[in-house]
Structure formats: structure tokens, C-alpha cells
């Protein structure tokens, strides 16, 4: 294998970058403290929803409802949903609901089931112990030549 000229390769590295060093990039400016790291969903209280609904119901001039919606940052579809909930008489439906899967109601029988499972495990353990004792007694009787008789003492 021939020897490679190290000067050729040393010069090639400088020539490929044209003799420039890599530039140092400054760190990005820190984020504004006004913004949180994670955006939060905007929620309205039932009182705010009823206030906005009352204002839009009173706005009769052209463009009045649109101005209220722009000022409050609410979409017209949201306003329709709130009206539907209000008309259904569900004032509780106007309160914000936590998003995501709902927690299941605890089953009142779970405590009893756990107790029964513990009792079952204990009885199973005791039965296995009793079976082992009976097996040892049978082997001992066979070794000693003692006949095993039923309760009445008859062979």
C-alpha cells in the first residue's frame, strides 16, 4: 500500500473551507416573560357566558354581534353552542368541564370483593397444608405397617 502525502490532505481541508473558520452563532433571544412555556386553553365562567349572551341579544344594529365576538375573542359557533345550552335550561351546562377521559365512579363492592379474595387465598393455603399433612400421615402409616381404618375402626 503506498504512503499518502499528509501535506496534500492537510491542505485539502483548508482549501475545502477556503481557509475560513466556522462561524459562531449567537444563542437565540430569551422568550418573552408574557408568554408561558405551554399555551393554556381559554375558559369562560358561566357568568361570563351569560354576560356575552345578554350583550349579543341586545345588539340589534348591523355588525353589533360581530363586534362583540371580536372584542371577546369568541367564535360564532361557540356563541350558538352557548345559546343552545341556555335555551335547554341547562345553566349548569354553561360551566366549564374538565377535558379528557372521565374518572369512573368507584364500585361499592370492590372492598367486599377484595376481602373475599383474601379469604379465598387463606383457605386455599390452609387446604394445601392439610393435604400435605394427610399425605405425610399416610406415608408414615405405610412405613410403620399400621393399617389405615375408617372412623369406626373397621379395616
C-alpha atoms as a PDB file:
ATOM      1  CA  UNK A   1       0.000   0.000   0.000  1.00  0.00           C
ATOM      2  CA  UNK A   2       1.547   3.337  -0.991  1.00  0.00           C
ATOM      3  CA  UNK A   3       2.232   6.050   1.553  1.00  0.00           C
ATOM      4  CA  UNK A   4      -0.144   9.011   1.324  1.00  0.00           C
ATOM      5  CA  UNK A   5       1.186  12.513   1.340  1.00  0.00           C
ATOM      6  CA  UNK A   6      -0.013  14.152   4.579  1.00  0.00           C
ATOM      7  CA  UNK A   7       0.636  17.657   3.288  1.00  0.00           C
ATOM      8  CA  UNK A   8      -1.829  17.104   0.450  1.00  0.00           C
ATOM      9  CA  UNK A   9      -4.594  16.081   2.851  1.00  0.00           C
ATOM     10  CA  UNK A  10      -3.801  18.823   5.359  1.00  0.00           C
ATOM     11  CA  UNK A  11      -4.015  21.411   2.638  1.00  0.00           C
ATOM     12  CA  UNK A  12      -7.189  19.916   1.200  1.00  0.00           C
ATOM     13  CA  UNK A  13      -9.102  20.543   4.439  1.00  0.00           C
ATOM     14  CA  UNK A  14      -8.194  24.200   4.446  1.00  0.00           C
ATOM     15  CA  UNK A  15      -8.923  24.502   0.744  1.00  0.00           C
ATOM     16  CA  UNK A  16     -12.353  22.930   1.068  1.00  0.00           C
ATOM     17  CA  UNK A  17     -13.398  25.574   3.611  1.00  0.00           C
ATOM     18  CA  UNK A  18     -11.379  28.179   1.746  1.00  0.00           C
ATOM     19  CA  UNK A  19      -9.337  28.834   4.854  1.00  0.00           C
ATOM     20  CA  UNK A  20     -12.312  30.067   6.932  1.00  0.00           C
ATOM     21  CA  UNK A  21     -13.122  29.036  10.431  1.00  0.00           C
ATOM     22  CA  UNK A  22     -16.696  28.047  11.305  1.00  0.00           C
ATOM     23  CA  UNK A  23     -18.800  30.970  12.419  1.00  0.00           C
ATOM     24  CA  UNK A  24     -20.195  31.058  15.921  1.00  0.00           C
ATOM     25  CA  UNK A  25     -23.947  31.527  16.058  1.00  0.00           C
ATOM     26  CA  UNK A  26     -25.300  33.551  18.965  1.00  0.00           C
ATOM     27  CA  UNK A  27     -27.853  31.972  21.265  1.00  0.00           C
ATOM     28  CA  UNK A  28     -31.465  32.840  20.492  1.00  0.00           C
ATOM     29  CA  UNK A  29     -33.006  35.682  22.449  1.00  0.00           C
ATOM     30  CA  UNK A  30     -34.877  34.572  25.569  1.00  0.00           C
ATOM     31  CA  UNK A  31     -38.628  34.207  25.219  1.00  0.00           C
ATOM     32  CA  UNK A  32     -40.848  36.985  26.398  1.00  0.00           C
ATOM     33  CA  UNK A  33     -41.978  36.546  30.009  1.00  0.00           C
ATOM     34  CA  UNK A  34     -45.514  37.406  28.908  1.00  0.00           C
ATOM     35  CA  UNK A  35     -45.883  34.037  27.191  1.00  0.00           C
ATOM     36  CA  UNK A  36     -45.972  30.792  29.104  1.00  0.00           C
ATOM     37  CA  UNK A  37     -43.952  27.811  28.006  1.00  0.00           C
ATOM     38  CA  UNK A  38     -47.141  25.849  27.335  1.00  0.00           C
ATOM     39  CA  UNK A  39     -50.265  27.529  25.969  1.00  0.00           C
ATOM     40  CA  UNK A  40     -53.427  27.168  28.014  1.00  0.00           C
ATOM     41  CA  UNK A  41     -56.935  26.740  26.682  1.00  0.00           C
ATOM     42  CA  UNK A  42     -59.099  29.746  27.364  1.00  0.00           C
ATOM     43  CA  UNK A  43     -62.096  29.110  29.615  1.00  0.00           C
ATOM     44  CA  UNK A  44     -65.141  31.230  30.318  1.00  0.00           C
ATOM     45  CA  UNK A  45     -67.099  31.154  33.535  1.00  0.00           C
ATOM     46  CA  UNK A  46     -70.857  30.695  33.431  1.00  0.00           C
ATOM     47  CA  UNK A  47     -71.205  34.342  34.463  1.00  0.00           C
ATOM     48  CA  UNK A  48     -69.063  35.488  31.501  1.00  0.00           C
ATOM     49  CA  UNK A  49     -71.004  33.302  29.088  1.00  0.00           C
ATOM     50  CA  UNK A  50     -74.337  34.691  30.272  1.00  0.00           C
ATOM     51  CA  UNK A  51     -72.979  38.253  30.068  1.00  0.00           C
ATOM     52  CA  UNK A  52     -71.792  37.764  26.473  1.00  0.00           C
ATOM     53  CA  UNK A  53     -75.110  36.142  25.526  1.00  0.00           C
ATOM     54  CA  UNK A  54     -77.039  39.053  27.031  1.00  0.00           C
ATOM     55  CA  UNK A  55     -74.878  41.581  25.142  1.00  0.00           C
ATOM     56  CA  UNK A  56     -75.347  39.785  21.830  1.00  0.00           C
ATOM     57  CA  UNK A  57     -79.104  39.555  22.408  1.00  0.00           C
ATOM     58  CA  UNK A  58     -79.241  43.330  22.988  1.00  0.00           C
ATOM     59  CA  UNK A  59     -77.061  44.142  19.956  1.00  0.00           C
ATOM     60  CA  UNK A  60     -79.611  44.949  17.248  1.00  0.00           C
ATOM     61  CA  UNK A  61     -77.586  47.166  14.908  1.00  0.00           C
ATOM     62  CA  UNK A  62     -75.788  45.715  11.916  1.00  0.00           C
ATOM     63  CA  UNK A  63     -72.380  44.353  12.838  1.00  0.00           C
ATOM     64  CA  UNK A  64     -73.012  44.688  16.579  1.00  0.00           C
ATOM     65  CA  UNK A  65     -72.808  40.970  17.281  1.00  0.00           C
ATOM     66  CA  UNK A  66     -69.628  40.655  15.205  1.00  0.00           C
ATOM     67  CA  UNK A  67     -68.019  43.497  17.148  1.00  0.00           C
ATOM     68  CA  UNK A  68     -68.849  41.811  20.456  1.00  0.00           C
ATOM     69  CA  UNK A  69     -67.476  38.487  19.225  1.00  0.00           C
ATOM     70  CA  UNK A  70     -64.231  40.128  18.062  1.00  0.00           C
ATOM     71  CA  UNK A  71     -63.851  42.024  21.325  1.00  0.00           C
ATOM     72  CA  UNK A  72     -64.375  38.895  23.431  1.00  0.00           C
ATOM     73  CA  UNK A  73     -62.414  36.595  21.101  1.00  0.00           C
ATOM     74  CA  UNK A  74     -65.292  34.149  20.670  1.00  0.00           C
ATOM     75  CA  UNK A  75     -66.374  32.330  17.516  1.00  0.00           C
ATOM     76  CA  UNK A  76     -69.965  32.453  16.335  1.00  0.00           C
ATOM     77  CA  UNK A  77     -70.220  28.649  16.603  1.00  0.00           C
ATOM     78  CA  UNK A  78     -69.291  28.881  20.282  1.00  0.00           C
ATOM     79  CA  UNK A  79     -71.984  31.510  20.733  1.00  0.00           C
ATOM     80  CA  UNK A  80     -74.509  29.159  19.084  1.00  0.00           C
ATOM     81  CA  UNK A  81     -73.485  26.339  21.448  1.00  0.00           C
ATOM     82  CA  UNK A  82     -73.907  28.624  24.467  1.00  0.00           C
ATOM     83  CA  UNK A  83     -77.358  29.734  23.245  1.00  0.00           C
ATOM     84  CA  UNK A  84     -78.411  26.124  22.747  1.00  0.00           C
ATOM     85  CA  UNK A  85     -77.278  25.235  26.272  1.00  0.00           C
ATOM     86  CA  UNK A  86     -79.047  28.259  27.745  1.00  0.00           C
ATOM     87  CA  UNK A  87     -82.277  27.529  25.866  1.00  0.00           C
ATOM     88  CA  UNK A  88     -82.190  23.914  27.038  1.00  0.00           C
ATOM     89  CA  UNK A  89     -82.319  25.271  30.575  1.00  0.00           C
ATOM     90  CA  UNK A  90     -79.014  23.770  31.500  1.00  0.00           C
ATOM     91  CA  UNK A  91     -77.378  26.634  33.343  1.00  0.00           C
ATOM     92  CA  UNK A  92     -75.020  24.057  34.800  1.00  0.00           C
ATOM     93  CA  UNK A  93     -74.023  23.179  31.239  1.00  0.00           C
ATOM     94  CA  UNK A  94     -72.554  26.667  30.837  1.00  0.00           C
ATOM     95  CA  UNK A  95     -69.891  25.904  33.432  1.00  0.00           C
ATOM     96  CA  UNK A  96     -66.549  24.739  32.027  1.00  0.00           C
ATOM     97  CA  UNK A  97     -65.987  20.976  32.004  1.00  0.00           C
ATOM     98  CA  UNK A  98     -62.636  19.309  32.522  1.00  0.00           C
ATOM     99  CA  UNK A  99     -61.379  17.792  29.283  1.00  0.00           C
ATOM    100  CA  UNK A 100     -60.124  14.243  28.860  1.00  0.00           C
ATOM    101  CA  UNK A 101     -61.327  10.855  29.997  1.00  0.00           C
ATOM    102  CA  UNK A 102     -63.695  10.921  32.926  1.00  0.00           C
ATOM    103  CA  UNK A 103     -62.865   9.043  36.091  1.00  0.00           C
ATOM    104  CA  UNK A 104     -65.141   6.068  36.678  1.00  0.00           C
ATOM    105  CA  UNK A 105     -67.252   6.078  39.830  1.00  0.00           C
ATOM    106  CA  UNK A 106     -65.794   3.704  42.411  1.00  0.00           C
ATOM    107  CA  UNK A 107     -67.663   0.418  42.686  1.00  0.00           C
ATOM    108  CA  UNK A 108     -69.000  -0.041  46.247  1.00  0.00           C
ATOM    109  CA  UNK A 109     -68.487  -3.817  46.002  1.00  0.00           C
ATOM    110  CA  UNK A 110     -64.731  -3.604  45.387  1.00  0.00           C
ATOM    111  CA  UNK A 111     -63.936  -3.702  49.127  1.00  0.00           C
ATOM    112  CA  UNK A 112     -66.053  -6.791  49.628  1.00  0.00           C
ATOM    113  CA  UNK A 113     -64.511  -8.499  46.598  1.00  0.00           C
ATOM    114  CA  UNK A 114     -61.004  -7.813  47.940  1.00  0.00           C
ATOM    115  CA  UNK A 115     -61.955  -9.259  51.339  1.00  0.00           C
ATOM    116  CA  UNK A 116     -63.404 -12.392  49.737  1.00  0.00           C
ATOM    117  CA  UNK A 117     -60.307 -12.835  47.583  1.00  0.00           C
ATOM    118  CA  UNK A 118     -58.065 -12.627  50.682  1.00  0.00           C
ATOM    119  CA  UNK A 119     -60.245 -15.189  52.492  1.00  0.00           C
ATOM    120  CA  UNK A 120     -60.161 -17.484  49.467  1.00  0.00           C
ATOM    121  CA  UNK A 121     -56.349 -17.291  49.271  1.00  0.00           C
ATOM    122  CA  UNK A 122     -56.072 -18.033  53.028  1.00  0.00           C
ATOM    123  CA  UNK A 123     -58.404 -21.041  52.792  1.00  0.00           C
ATOM    124  CA  UNK A 124     -56.538 -22.363  49.750  1.00  0.00           C
ATOM    125  CA  UNK A 125     -53.256 -22.113  51.662  1.00  0.00           C
ATOM    126  CA  UNK A 126     -54.761 -23.937  54.673  1.00  0.00           C
ATOM    127  CA  UNK A 127     -56.188 -26.681  52.434  1.00  0.00           C
ATOM    128  CA  UNK A 128     -52.805 -27.245  50.801  1.00  0.00           C
ATOM    129  CA  UNK A 129     -51.202 -27.523  54.253  1.00  0.00           C
ATOM    130  CA  UNK A 130     -53.865 -30.021  55.417  1.00  0.00           C
ATOM    131  CA  UNK A 131     -53.389 -32.119  52.248  1.00  0.00           C
ATOM    132  CA  UNK A 132     -49.638 -32.208  52.884  1.00  0.00           C
ATOM    133  CA  UNK A 133     -50.172 -33.330  56.499  1.00  0.00           C
ATOM    134  CA  UNK A 134     -52.559 -36.109  55.405  1.00  0.00           C
ATOM    135  CA  UNK A 135     -50.074 -37.305  52.771  1.00  0.00           C
ATOM    136  CA  UNK A 136     -47.296 -37.458  55.398  1.00  0.00           C
ATOM    137  CA  UNK A 137     -49.578 -39.392  57.767  1.00  0.00           C
ATOM    138  CA  UNK A 138     -50.373 -41.949  55.034  1.00  0.00           C
ATOM    139  CA  UNK A 139     -46.681 -42.455  54.225  1.00  0.00           C
ATOM    140  CA  UNK A 140     -45.848 -42.836  57.926  1.00  0.00           C
ATOM    141  CA  UNK A 141     -48.619 -45.407  58.369  1.00  0.00           C
ATOM    142  CA  UNK A 142     -47.323 -47.375  55.360  1.00  0.00           C
ATOM    143  CA  UNK A 143     -43.738 -47.311  56.700  1.00  0.00           C
ATOM    144  CA  UNK A 144     -44.799 -48.445  60.172  1.00  0.00           C
ATOM    145  CA  UNK A 145     -47.213 -51.039  58.812  1.00  0.00           C
ATOM    146  CA  UNK A 146     -50.195 -49.519  60.554  1.00  0.00           C
ATOM    147  CA  UNK A 147     -53.395 -50.189  58.591  1.00  0.00           C
ATOM    148  CA  UNK A 148     -55.457 -47.103  57.807  1.00  0.00           C
ATOM    149  CA  UNK A 149     -59.011 -47.631  59.080  1.00  0.00           C
ATOM    150  CA  UNK A 150     -62.174 -45.596  58.642  1.00  0.00           C
ATOM    151  CA  UNK A 151     -63.704 -43.739  61.605  1.00  0.00           C
ATOM    152  CA  UNK A 152     -65.419 -46.811  63.012  1.00  0.00           C
ATOM    153  CA  UNK A 153     -62.147 -48.689  63.462  1.00  0.00           C
ATOM    154  CA  UNK A 154     -63.088 -51.413  60.972  1.00  0.00           C
ATOM    155  CA  UNK A 155     -60.497 -52.485  58.343  1.00  0.00           C
END
